[in-house]
Amino acid sequence: MENDLKFMKRIRVFVFAVFSTLSASALVAEESIKDEVVIDETPLDRKLNGGVVSYSESLSKIRPAVVNISSTRVFDTQRQLPEDHPFWRFFGEGMPRQREIEGQGSGVVVSESGYILTNNHVVENASEVSVSFQDGRILDAKVIGADPQTDLAVLKVDGDEEFPFAVMADSEQIEVGDVVFAIGNPLGVGQTVTMGIVSAKGRNDLNMIRDGFENFIQTDASINQGNSGGALVDAQGRLIGINTMILTDGRSTGNIGIGFSIPTALAHAVMVSLIEDGSVSRGFLGVAIQSLDKDLVEAMDLEDSKGALVTNVVPDSPAEEAGLKVGDLIVKVGDEEVASDTDLRLKIASKAPDSLVDLTVYRDEKYFKTEAKLVERRTNGRMTIGSRTRELLDGVEAEPVSDDLRRQFQIDETVENGLVITSVSPDSPYARQLMAGMVIEKIKDERVYTVAEAKDLLESGEKVALFVYIDGFYRYMAIDVE
């Protein structure tokens, strides 16, 4: 199992530069982007699967809409030491050196007015972005918005003429075995088309995007560096996905036939939110969850491993208000079955804040239904409702240990309880002592299980001893509580 997990982490992202998150900005338009994007929901005709000698006519419809994206980021190459560092007077006063990084990727024009879908990692923190079309035009592009949690970004180019654009298909209708094409700019050689099939759909347990939402189409169509943000196309020349990542064996950065694309159903929803609202709002329930394995199914006398098992309920959350408890098994959201913990997370996140959702829950050998009113999920995975945030200290947020946090911060299974520090603001007075991923097990030699318990022990004006776990080691440390 340990080797399997190590293998799954060997992931290569197709981009020549790594940038940080771009903030989204709202765009005021005369008409909704929903009216501009063309979606063809006609099912693929799978009867015509013999005698095809060329797909050039189908692909000719979309190839002009697939563009090359170049991005530039300026960064400081010299790490600056803090002034109280013992070596600051020797090395801290050096002149900063700046360097430009050029990144290349792909994108897909999805409206005649010039909206372009691509990956967030293609344009993250770019100071300049330009788009090259097949007809030779090179235009500056504006980043309208980005969503790191799905690795999607929306660009906009302006021109005197209407732009060629891709027609979207309904990605919910694809089937394993459908012929698909990947179109992009691999390794900067120019627009390239490769062919394969849909190898799988609904891949959502890969943990490729930290704290993200995954629902990938898997394909063996060849995808390499530079293909990021390019098109995954069906046999009728319609866009069904945005190519984003590959999985490798760890020995190579090239394609071995396991590539992933973001389906158009998800990409379209994110794009509309970024353009019309300036951000992506997601629902939040307030539970820590895990999937069921064979042993748990047997021990709990269940029929199968479907559902999400509740391991923690956030205080004052929609889950607590709906009456959920640790040990509950959530099996349905509305009329949709919950396949796993990741599936539940996706289903809840796809709902708008303030939505009412019906949950079917299994408890004490009985099924019952309850209703929860979702709140807004923050980008770090928590609620945005003032006093309900998980602030432990000024600029420091924490949550009880959960399976999600174990995976996110690679916390050893031997750490059973405590509070995981999930974020530390750079301007926090504790930023030099505490860090994200640190687990506080004891305060004043008392074990802590909730933020409320911990705050009661952290009295202002005192020097307090903490027993913490960080990077595989336990240690005591003292902090001055302000």
Protein backbone atom coordinates (compact mmCIF):
# COMPACT_ATOMS: atom_id res chain seq x y z
CA MET A 1 0.00 0.00 0.00
CA GLU A 2 2.83 2.38 0.92
CA ASN A 3 4.51 1.73 -2.43
CA ASP A 4 1.21 2.35 -4.21
CA LEU A 5 0.85 5.72 -2.51
CA LYS A 6 4.40 6.68 -3.45
CA PHE A 7 3.68 5.74 -7.04
CA MET A 8 0.51 7.83 -7.14
CA LYS A 9 2.47 10.89 -6.05
CA ARG A 10 4.78 10.73 -9.06
CA ILE A 11 2.89 13.24 -11.11
CA ARG A 12 4.17 15.60 -13.77
CA VAL A 13 2.33 18.81 -14.64
CA PHE A 14 2.72 20.12 -18.16
CA VAL A 15 4.07 23.62 -17.87
CA PHE A 16 7.46 25.23 -18.27
CA ALA A 17 7.11 27.51 -15.27
CA VAL A 18 5.45 27.25 -11.88
CA PHE A 19 3.54 30.30 -10.69
CA SER A 20 1.36 31.17 -7.69
CA THR A 21 -2.37 31.84 -7.50
CA LEU A 22 -4.01 34.54 -9.58
CA SER A 23 -6.92 36.42 -8.08
CA ALA A 24 -10.11 36.53 -10.13
CA SER A 25 -11.68 39.80 -11.26
CA ALA A 26 -15.29 40.21 -12.33
CA LEU A 27 -16.06 41.30 -15.87
CA VAL A 28 -19.12 43.35 -16.75
CA ALA A 29 -20.56 42.23 -20.08
CA GLU A 30 -23.66 43.19 -22.01
CA GLU A 31 -24.76 39.59 -22.33
CA SER A 32 -24.07 36.49 -20.31
CA ILE A 33 -21.20 34.23 -21.30
CA LYS A 34 -23.79 31.44 -21.20
CA ASP A 35 -25.31 32.94 -24.36
CA GLU A 36 -21.96 33.01 -26.16
CA VAL A 37 -20.70 29.50 -25.50
CA VAL A 38 -22.12 26.91 -27.89
CA ILE A 39 -22.95 23.54 -26.33
CA ASP A 40 -24.01 20.65 -28.55
CA GLU A 41 -25.77 18.08 -26.36
CA THR A 42 -26.47 15.69 -29.25
CA PRO A 43 -25.29 12.20 -28.23
CA LEU A 44 -22.29 10.84 -30.11
CA ASP A 45 -23.33 8.48 -32.91
CA ARG A 46 -21.51 5.33 -31.84
CA LYS A 47 -23.00 3.16 -34.60
CA LEU A 48 -20.69 4.65 -37.21
CA ASN A 49 -17.59 2.95 -35.84
CA GLY A 50 -16.34 1.16 -38.93
CA GLY A 51 -14.69 2.18 -42.17
CA VAL A 52 -13.39 5.56 -40.98
CA VAL A 53 -10.13 6.40 -42.72
CA SER A 54 -9.76 10.02 -41.62
CA TYR A 55 -11.00 12.45 -38.99
CA SER A 56 -9.56 15.51 -40.70
CA GLU A 57 -12.96 17.00 -41.54
CA SER A 58 -14.21 16.73 -37.94
CA LEU A 59 -11.00 18.15 -36.51
CA SER A 60 -10.91 21.03 -38.99
CA LYS A 61 -13.81 22.57 -37.05
CA ILE A 62 -11.89 22.89 -33.80
CA ARG A 63 -8.19 23.11 -34.68
CA PRO A 64 -8.26 26.89 -35.36
CA ALA A 65 -9.74 27.39 -31.88
CA VAL A 66 -6.79 25.71 -30.11
CA VAL A 67 -4.11 28.30 -29.38
CA ASN A 68 -0.57 28.46 -28.01
CA ILE A 69 -0.11 30.42 -24.78
CA SER A 70 3.15 32.10 -23.76
CA SER A 71 3.56 33.55 -20.28
CA THR A 72 6.29 35.49 -18.53
CA ARG A 73 6.98 35.77 -14.83
CA VAL A 74 9.65 37.90 -13.15
CA PHE A 75 10.94 36.50 -9.87
CA ASP A 76 13.62 37.27 -7.32
CA THR A 77 16.43 34.72 -7.41
CA GLN A 78 18.04 35.74 -4.12
CA ARG A 79 16.56 34.50 -0.88
CA GLN A 80 16.54 37.30 1.69
CA LEU A 81 17.42 36.41 5.26
CA PRO A 82 15.40 37.96 8.10
CA GLU A 83 17.16 40.81 9.88
CA ASP A 84 17.40 38.91 13.16
CA HIS A 85 19.11 35.93 11.47
CA PRO A 86 22.70 35.51 12.78
CA PHE A 87 24.12 35.67 9.22
CA TRP A 88 22.03 38.61 8.02
CA ARG A 89 24.89 41.11 8.26
CA PHE A 90 26.99 38.88 5.99
CA PHE A 91 24.41 37.87 3.39
CA GLY A 92 21.17 39.73 4.04
CA GLU A 93 22.06 43.03 2.43
CA GLY A 94 22.90 41.70 -1.02
CA MET A 95 21.22 43.28 -4.02
CA PRO A 96 18.20 41.24 -5.18
CA ARG A 97 18.57 39.63 -8.57
CA GLN A 98 15.63 39.21 -10.89
CA ARG A 99 15.10 36.65 -13.58
CA GLU A 100 12.40 36.05 -16.15
CA ILE A 101 10.84 32.64 -16.70
CA GLU A 102 9.08 31.87 -19.96
CA GLY A 103 6.21 29.38 -19.82
CA GLN A 104 4.36 27.70 -22.66
CA GLY A 105 1.05 25.93 -22.77
CA SER A 106 -2.15 25.68 -24.74
CA GLY A 107 -5.68 27.03 -24.58
CA VAL A 108 -9.08 26.70 -26.25
CA VAL A 109 -11.15 29.63 -27.54
CA VAL A 110 -14.75 28.97 -26.49
CA SER A 111 -16.55 32.10 -27.71
CA GLU A 112 -16.36 34.26 -30.81
CA SER A 113 -15.68 37.29 -28.59
CA GLY A 114 -12.36 35.77 -27.45
CA TYR A 115 -12.80 33.97 -24.14
CA ILE A 116 -10.19 31.23 -23.70
CA LEU A 117 -10.11 28.27 -21.33
CA THR A 118 -6.73 27.02 -20.10
CA ASN A 119 -5.09 25.63 -16.97
CA ASN A 120 -4.38 27.79 -13.95
CA HIS A 121 -0.82 26.46 -13.80
CA VAL A 122 -0.16 27.75 -17.32
CA VAL A 123 -0.69 31.40 -16.35
CA GLU A 124 -0.19 31.50 -12.57
CA ASN A 125 1.33 34.80 -11.46
CA ALA A 126 2.30 35.66 -15.02
CA SER A 127 3.21 39.31 -15.60
CA GLU A 128 2.56 38.96 -19.34
CA VAL A 129 0.43 36.50 -21.34
CA SER A 130 0.20 36.27 -25.12
CA VAL A 131 -1.84 34.01 -27.39
CA SER A 132 -0.79 32.71 -30.81
CA PHE A 133 -3.43 31.65 -33.35
CA GLN A 134 -3.06 29.29 -36.29
CA ASP A 135 -3.56 32.17 -38.73
CA GLY A 136 -0.41 33.86 -37.39
CA ARG A 137 -2.02 36.42 -35.09
CA ILE A 138 -0.28 37.00 -31.74
CA LEU A 139 -2.40 38.92 -29.23
CA ASP A 140 -1.93 40.02 -25.64
CA ALA A 141 -4.34 38.30 -23.27
CA LYS A 142 -5.93 39.41 -20.02
CA VAL A 143 -6.41 36.91 -17.21
CA ILE A 144 -10.09 37.24 -16.28
CA GLY A 145 -9.91 34.78 -13.41
CA ALA A 146 -8.41 31.56 -12.14
CA ASP A 147 -9.52 28.71 -9.92
CA PRO A 148 -6.57 26.76 -8.48
CA GLN A 149 -8.89 24.17 -6.93
CA THR A 150 -9.84 22.88 -10.39
CA ASP A 151 -6.66 24.11 -12.16
CA LEU A 152 -8.70 26.23 -14.58
CA ALA A 153 -8.22 29.79 -15.79
CA VAL A 154 -10.09 32.08 -18.19
CA LEU A 155 -8.31 34.51 -20.54
CA LYS A 156 -9.71 37.18 -22.85
CA VAL A 157 -8.28 38.50 -26.13
CA ASP A 158 -9.66 41.38 -28.15
CA GLY A 159 -9.63 41.78 -31.93
CA ASP A 160 -11.38 43.42 -34.84
CA GLU A 161 -12.72 40.12 -36.15
CA GLU A 162 -14.68 37.30 -34.60
CA PHE A 163 -12.51 34.49 -33.29
CA PRO A 164 -12.76 30.80 -34.25
CA PHE A 165 -14.19 28.93 -31.28
CA ALA A 166 -14.81 25.37 -30.12
CA VAL A 167 -18.26 23.86 -29.71
CA MET A 168 -18.62 22.06 -26.39
CA ALA A 169 -20.09 18.60 -26.10
CA ASP A 170 -21.87 17.30 -22.99
CA SER A 171 -19.01 15.51 -21.23
CA GLU A 172 -21.51 13.64 -19.05
CA GLN A 173 -22.42 11.55 -22.11
CA ILE A 174 -18.95 10.22 -22.89
CA GLU A 175 -18.29 6.50 -22.55
CA VAL A 176 -15.16 4.47 -21.94
CA GLY A 177 -13.89 3.42 -25.36
CA ASP A 178 -14.94 6.58 -27.21
CA VAL A 179 -12.32 7.79 -29.67
CA VAL A 180 -10.76 11.12 -28.58
CA PHE A 181 -8.04 13.50 -29.77
CA ALA A 182 -5.66 15.69 -27.77
CA ILE A 183 -4.77 18.97 -29.47
CA GLY A 184 -2.12 21.32 -28.13
CA ASN A 185 1.45 22.55 -28.36
CA PRO A 186 3.65 19.80 -26.87
CA LEU A 187 7.25 20.80 -26.15
CA GLY A 188 6.76 23.98 -28.18
CA VAL A 189 6.86 22.17 -31.55
CA GLY A 190 3.57 23.69 -32.72
CA GLN A 191 0.01 22.47 -32.88
CA THR A 192 -0.11 18.69 -32.70
CA VAL A 193 -3.00 16.20 -32.76
CA THR A 194 -2.77 12.80 -31.06
CA MET A 195 -5.39 10.06 -30.92
CA GLY A 196 -6.60 7.65 -28.25
CA ILE A 197 -9.70 6.60 -26.39
CA VAL A 198 -11.47 7.50 -23.16
CA SER A 199 -9.72 5.12 -20.76
CA ALA A 200 -11.86 5.99 -17.72
CA LYS A 201 -14.09 8.76 -16.44
CA GLY A 202 -14.86 10.23 -13.04
CA ARG A 203 -11.31 9.84 -11.73
CA ASN A 204 -11.51 11.70 -8.43
CA ASP A 205 -9.21 9.97 -5.94
CA LEU A 206 -5.82 10.94 -7.36
CA ASN A 207 -5.00 13.88 -5.05
CA MET A 208 -3.22 15.68 -7.88
CA ILE A 209 -4.60 19.10 -6.92
CA ARG A 210 -3.95 20.03 -3.31
CA ASP A 211 -7.25 20.70 -1.56
CA GLY A 212 -8.79 20.61 -5.03
CA PHE A 213 -11.78 19.12 -6.79
CA GLU A 214 -11.02 16.37 -9.26
CA ASN A 215 -13.34 14.65 -11.71
CA PHE A 216 -10.99 13.76 -14.54
CA ILE A 217 -11.46 12.07 -17.88
CA GLN A 218 -8.58 9.62 -18.33
CA THR A 219 -7.18 9.07 -21.82
CA ASP A 220 -4.27 7.37 -23.54
CA ALA A 221 -4.09 10.06 -26.23
CA SER A 222 -0.51 11.30 -26.00
CA ILE A 223 -0.16 14.41 -23.81
CA ASN A 224 3.17 16.04 -23.00
CA GLN A 225 4.61 19.29 -21.65
CA GLY A 226 2.96 22.19 -23.43
CA ASN A 227 -0.34 20.35 -23.91
CA SER A 228 -1.63 21.80 -20.64
CA GLY A 229 -4.80 23.78 -21.27
CA GLY A 230 -5.31 22.23 -24.69
CA ALA A 231 -8.35 20.44 -26.06
CA LEU A 232 -9.64 16.91 -25.62
CA VAL A 233 -11.98 16.39 -28.57
CA ASP A 234 -14.54 13.74 -29.53
CA ALA A 235 -14.87 12.10 -32.96
CA GLN A 236 -17.26 14.82 -34.11
CA GLY A 237 -14.78 17.60 -33.37
CA ARG A 238 -16.46 18.84 -30.17
CA LEU A 239 -14.64 19.88 -27.00
CA ILE A 240 -15.12 17.42 -24.15
CA GLY A 241 -12.23 18.34 -21.86
CA ILE A 242 -9.27 20.59 -21.03
CA ASN A 243 -6.04 18.58 -20.89
CA THR A 244 -4.18 19.13 -17.65
CA MET A 245 -1.88 16.40 -16.26
CA ILE A 246 -0.23 13.03 -16.79
CA LEU A 247 0.81 10.26 -14.44
CA THR A 248 4.29 8.80 -14.93
CA ASP A 249 6.31 5.97 -13.43
CA GLY A 250 8.68 8.43 -11.76
CA ARG A 251 11.55 7.65 -14.11
CA SER A 252 10.28 9.70 -17.02
CA THR A 253 8.54 13.04 -17.51
CA GLY A 254 7.06 11.91 -20.82
CA ASN A 255 3.72 10.34 -21.66
CA ILE A 256 3.15 6.68 -20.81
CA GLY A 257 -0.51 6.61 -21.78
CA ILE A 258 -2.13 7.92 -18.61
CA GLY A 259 -3.38 11.46 -19.16
CA PHE A 260 -6.14 13.47 -17.51
CA SER A 261 -8.55 16.13 -18.72
CA ILE A 262 -11.04 18.35 -16.91
CA PRO A 263 -14.51 17.59 -18.38
CA THR A 264 -16.40 20.41 -20.06
CA ALA A 265 -19.30 20.10 -17.60
CA LEU A 266 -16.98 21.23 -14.82
CA ALA A 267 -14.94 23.65 -16.95
CA HIS A 268 -18.03 25.45 -18.23
CA ALA A 269 -19.46 25.96 -14.74
CA VAL A 270 -16.16 27.33 -13.41
CA MET A 271 -15.73 29.60 -16.43
CA VAL A 272 -19.20 31.13 -16.09
CA SER A 273 -18.59 31.82 -12.37
CA LEU A 274 -15.21 33.44 -13.02
CA ILE A 275 -16.53 35.67 -15.79
CA GLU A 276 -19.84 36.69 -14.25
CA ASP A 277 -19.04 36.68 -10.51
CA GLY A 278 -15.25 37.05 -10.40
CA SER A 279 -14.83 33.95 -8.23
CA VAL A 280 -16.08 30.40 -7.76
CA SER A 281 -18.42 29.85 -4.80
CA ARG A 282 -18.77 26.35 -3.38
CA GLY A 283 -20.93 24.80 -0.74
CA PHE A 284 -19.55 23.58 2.58
CA LEU A 285 -21.14 20.98 4.88
CA GLY A 286 -18.64 20.79 7.74
CA VAL A 287 -17.68 17.14 8.12
CA ALA A 288 -14.45 15.19 8.02
CA ILE A 289 -15.07 11.95 6.14
CA GLN A 290 -13.43 8.75 4.96
CA SER A 291 -14.27 5.95 2.56
CA LEU A 292 -15.10 2.42 3.58
CA ASP A 293 -12.69 -0.46 3.08
CA LYS A 294 -13.45 -4.17 3.03
CA ASP A 295 -12.84 -4.62 6.75
CA LEU A 296 -15.11 -1.73 7.73
CA VAL A 297 -17.88 -3.02 5.45
CA GLU A 298 -17.67 -6.38 7.21
CA ALA A 299 -17.37 -4.91 10.71
CA MET A 300 -20.33 -2.56 10.19
CA ASP A 301 -22.41 -5.28 8.50
CA LEU A 302 -22.93 -3.21 5.33
CA GLU A 303 -23.82 -4.42 1.85
CA ASP A 304 -21.05 -2.56 0.00
CA SER A 305 -18.41 0.15 0.35
CA LYS A 306 -20.48 3.01 -1.03
CA GLY A 307 -20.96 6.13 1.06
CA ALA A 308 -18.85 8.51 3.14
CA LEU A 309 -18.19 7.78 6.81
CA VAL A 310 -18.25 10.82 9.12
CA THR A 311 -15.15 11.04 11.35
CA ASN A 312 -15.62 14.58 12.66
CA VAL A 313 -18.34 17.23 12.72
CA VAL A 314 -17.27 20.89 12.72
CA PRO A 315 -18.92 22.83 15.58
CA ASP A 316 -21.62 25.31 14.49
CA SER A 317 -21.48 23.93 10.93
CA PRO A 318 -24.40 22.99 8.66
CA ALA A 319 -23.60 19.34 9.44
CA GLU A 320 -24.00 19.88 13.20
CA GLU A 321 -27.21 21.84 12.67
CA ALA A 322 -28.52 18.99 10.51
CA GLY A 323 -27.90 16.54 13.36
CA LEU A 324 -25.01 14.60 11.82
CA LYS A 325 -22.76 12.67 14.21
CA VAL A 326 -19.42 10.88 14.10
CA GLY A 327 -20.04 7.36 12.77
CA ASP A 328 -22.86 8.35 10.42
CA LEU A 329 -22.64 7.02 6.88
CA ILE A 330 -23.84 9.52 4.26
CA VAL A 331 -25.16 7.46 1.34
CA LYS A 332 -27.07 9.98 -0.78
CA VAL A 333 -27.15 13.68 -1.62
CA GLY A 334 -30.63 14.32 -2.95
CA ASP A 335 -31.36 11.39 -5.27
CA GLU A 336 -27.69 10.80 -6.12
CA GLU A 337 -25.78 7.95 -4.50
CA VAL A 338 -22.48 8.79 -2.77
CA ALA A 339 -19.73 6.50 -4.06
CA SER A 340 -16.91 7.58 -1.72
CA ASP A 341 -15.63 10.38 0.50
CA THR A 342 -14.22 12.21 -2.53
CA ASP A 343 -17.53 11.85 -4.34
CA LEU A 344 -19.40 13.46 -1.43
CA ARG A 345 -16.89 16.30 -1.35
CA LEU A 346 -17.44 16.96 -5.06
CA LYS A 347 -21.22 16.79 -4.76
CA ILE A 348 -21.31 19.28 -1.88
CA ALA A 349 -18.79 21.63 -3.48
CA SER A 350 -20.84 21.73 -6.68
CA LYS A 351 -23.79 23.20 -4.74
CA ALA A 352 -24.10 26.94 -4.23
CA PRO A 353 -23.80 28.43 -0.72
CA ASP A 354 -27.19 28.73 1.02
CA SER A 355 -28.44 25.68 -0.92
CA LEU A 356 -30.67 23.24 0.92
CA VAL A 357 -29.54 19.65 0.40
CA ASP A 358 -31.30 16.46 1.42
CA LEU A 359 -28.93 13.88 2.91
CA THR A 360 -29.72 10.19 3.32
CA VAL A 361 -27.83 8.85 6.33
CA TYR A 362 -27.30 5.34 7.75
CA ARG A 363 -27.09 5.16 11.55
CA ASP A 364 -27.77 2.35 14.02
CA GLU A 365 -28.86 -0.01 11.22
CA LYS A 366 -31.48 2.46 9.99
CA TYR A 367 -31.70 4.99 7.19
CA PHE A 368 -33.04 8.48 7.74
CA LYS A 369 -33.11 11.79 5.87
CA THR A 370 -32.03 15.20 7.07
CA GLU A 371 -31.71 18.61 5.46
CA ALA A 372 -28.64 20.85 5.62
CA LYS A 373 -28.27 24.48 4.54
CA LEU A 374 -24.78 24.85 3.09
CA VAL A 375 -22.49 27.80 3.76
CA GLU A 376 -19.69 29.11 1.58
CA ARG A 377 -16.47 27.16 1.40
CA ARG A 378 -13.25 29.12 1.61
CA THR A 379 -10.25 28.29 -0.58
CA ASN A 380 -8.53 26.69 2.41
CA GLY A 381 -11.48 24.38 2.90
CA ARG A 382 -13.30 26.00 5.80
CA MET A 383 -16.39 28.12 6.32
CA THR A 384 -16.68 31.86 5.83
CA ILE A 385 -19.05 32.78 8.62
CA GLY A 386 -17.25 35.17 10.95
CA SER A 387 -17.06 33.65 14.40
CA ARG A 388 -17.18 30.14 13.00
CA THR A 389 -13.70 30.31 11.46
CA ARG A 390 -11.11 28.09 13.08
CA GLU A 391 -8.84 30.84 14.37
CA LEU A 392 -6.65 29.53 17.18
CA LEU A 393 -4.38 32.57 17.58
CA ASP A 394 -3.97 35.86 15.75
CA GLY A 395 -3.36 34.83 12.13
CA VAL A 396 -3.25 31.11 12.96
CA GLU A 397 -6.02 28.67 12.02
CA ALA A 398 -6.30 25.05 13.10
CA GLU A 399 -8.62 22.06 12.86
CA PRO A 400 -8.87 18.66 14.56
CA VAL A 401 -6.84 15.88 12.93
CA SER A 402 -8.77 14.26 10.07
CA ASP A 403 -7.98 11.92 7.18
CA ASP A 404 -8.15 14.80 4.71
CA LEU A 405 -5.61 16.77 6.72
CA ARG A 406 -3.39 13.70 7.10
CA ARG A 407 -3.22 13.41 3.33
CA GLN A 408 -2.81 17.14 2.77
CA PHE A 409 0.06 17.59 5.22
CA GLN A 410 1.45 14.01 5.18
CA ILE A 411 0.85 13.46 8.89
CA ASP A 412 1.85 10.04 10.20
CA GLU A 413 -0.94 7.62 11.18
CA THR A 414 0.54 7.39 14.69
CA VAL A 415 -0.72 10.93 15.36
CA GLU A 416 -4.23 10.06 16.50
CA ASN A 417 -5.50 13.33 17.96
CA GLY A 418 -4.65 16.99 18.26
CA LEU A 419 -5.06 20.18 16.25
CA VAL A 420 -3.52 20.59 12.81
CA ILE A 421 -2.37 24.13 12.05
CA THR A 422 -3.86 24.66 8.59
CA SER A 423 -2.66 28.22 7.86
CA VAL A 424 -0.39 30.88 9.33
CA SER A 425 -0.64 34.42 8.01
CA PRO A 426 2.76 35.96 7.09
CA ASP A 427 2.02 38.97 9.33
CA SER A 428 0.96 36.81 12.30
CA PRO A 429 3.06 37.38 15.45
CA TYR A 430 3.47 33.58 15.54
CA ALA A 431 4.67 33.20 11.93
CA ARG A 432 8.28 32.53 13.00
CA GLN A 433 7.33 29.72 15.39
CA LEU A 434 4.23 27.98 14.04
CA MET A 435 3.69 26.59 10.55
CA ALA A 436 1.01 24.86 8.51
CA GLY A 437 1.08 21.09 8.99
CA MET A 438 2.26 21.26 12.61
CA VAL A 439 0.07 19.24 15.00
CA ILE A 440 -0.48 20.56 18.53
CA GLU A 441 -1.15 17.53 20.76
CA LYS A 442 -0.83 19.16 24.19
CA ILE A 443 -1.02 22.63 25.68
CA LYS A 444 0.27 22.95 29.27
CA ASP A 445 0.54 19.14 29.22
CA GLU A 446 -3.21 18.81 28.60
CA ARG A 447 -4.36 17.03 25.45
CA VAL A 448 -6.45 19.18 23.12
CA TYR A 449 -9.09 17.92 20.70
CA THR A 450 -10.93 21.08 19.64
CA VAL A 451 -10.04 24.69 18.89
CA ALA A 452 -12.34 25.82 21.71
CA GLU A 453 -10.43 23.69 24.25
CA ALA A 454 -7.12 25.01 23.00
CA LYS A 455 -8.18 28.65 23.15
CA ASP A 456 -9.21 28.20 26.78
CA LEU A 457 -5.65 27.11 27.60
CA LEU A 458 -3.94 29.90 25.65
CA GLU A 459 -4.21 32.86 28.00
CA SER A 460 -3.03 36.25 26.82
CA GLY A 461 0.19 37.50 28.35
CA GLU A 462 1.47 34.04 29.29
CA LYS A 463 4.37 31.94 28.04
CA VAL A 464 2.78 28.61 27.18
CA ALA A 465 4.40 25.22 26.54
CA LEU A 466 3.18 23.25 23.52
CA PHE A 467 3.84 19.60 22.68
CA VAL A 468 3.83 19.38 18.88
CA TYR A 469 4.44 17.01 15.98
CA ILE A 470 6.17 18.29 12.84
CA ASP A 471 7.83 16.46 9.93
CA GLY A 472 7.96 13.12 11.73
CA PHE A 473 9.27 14.40 15.09
CA TYR A 474 7.78 15.38 18.44
CA ARG A 475 9.08 18.34 20.42
CA TYR A 476 8.18 20.80 23.14
CA MET A 477 8.20 24.50 22.37
CA ALA A 478 7.14 27.66 24.15
CA ILE A 479 5.23 30.62 22.74
CA ASP A 480 4.35 34.01 24.20
CA VAL A 481 0.60 34.43 23.83
CA GLU A 482 -0.26 37.98 22.84
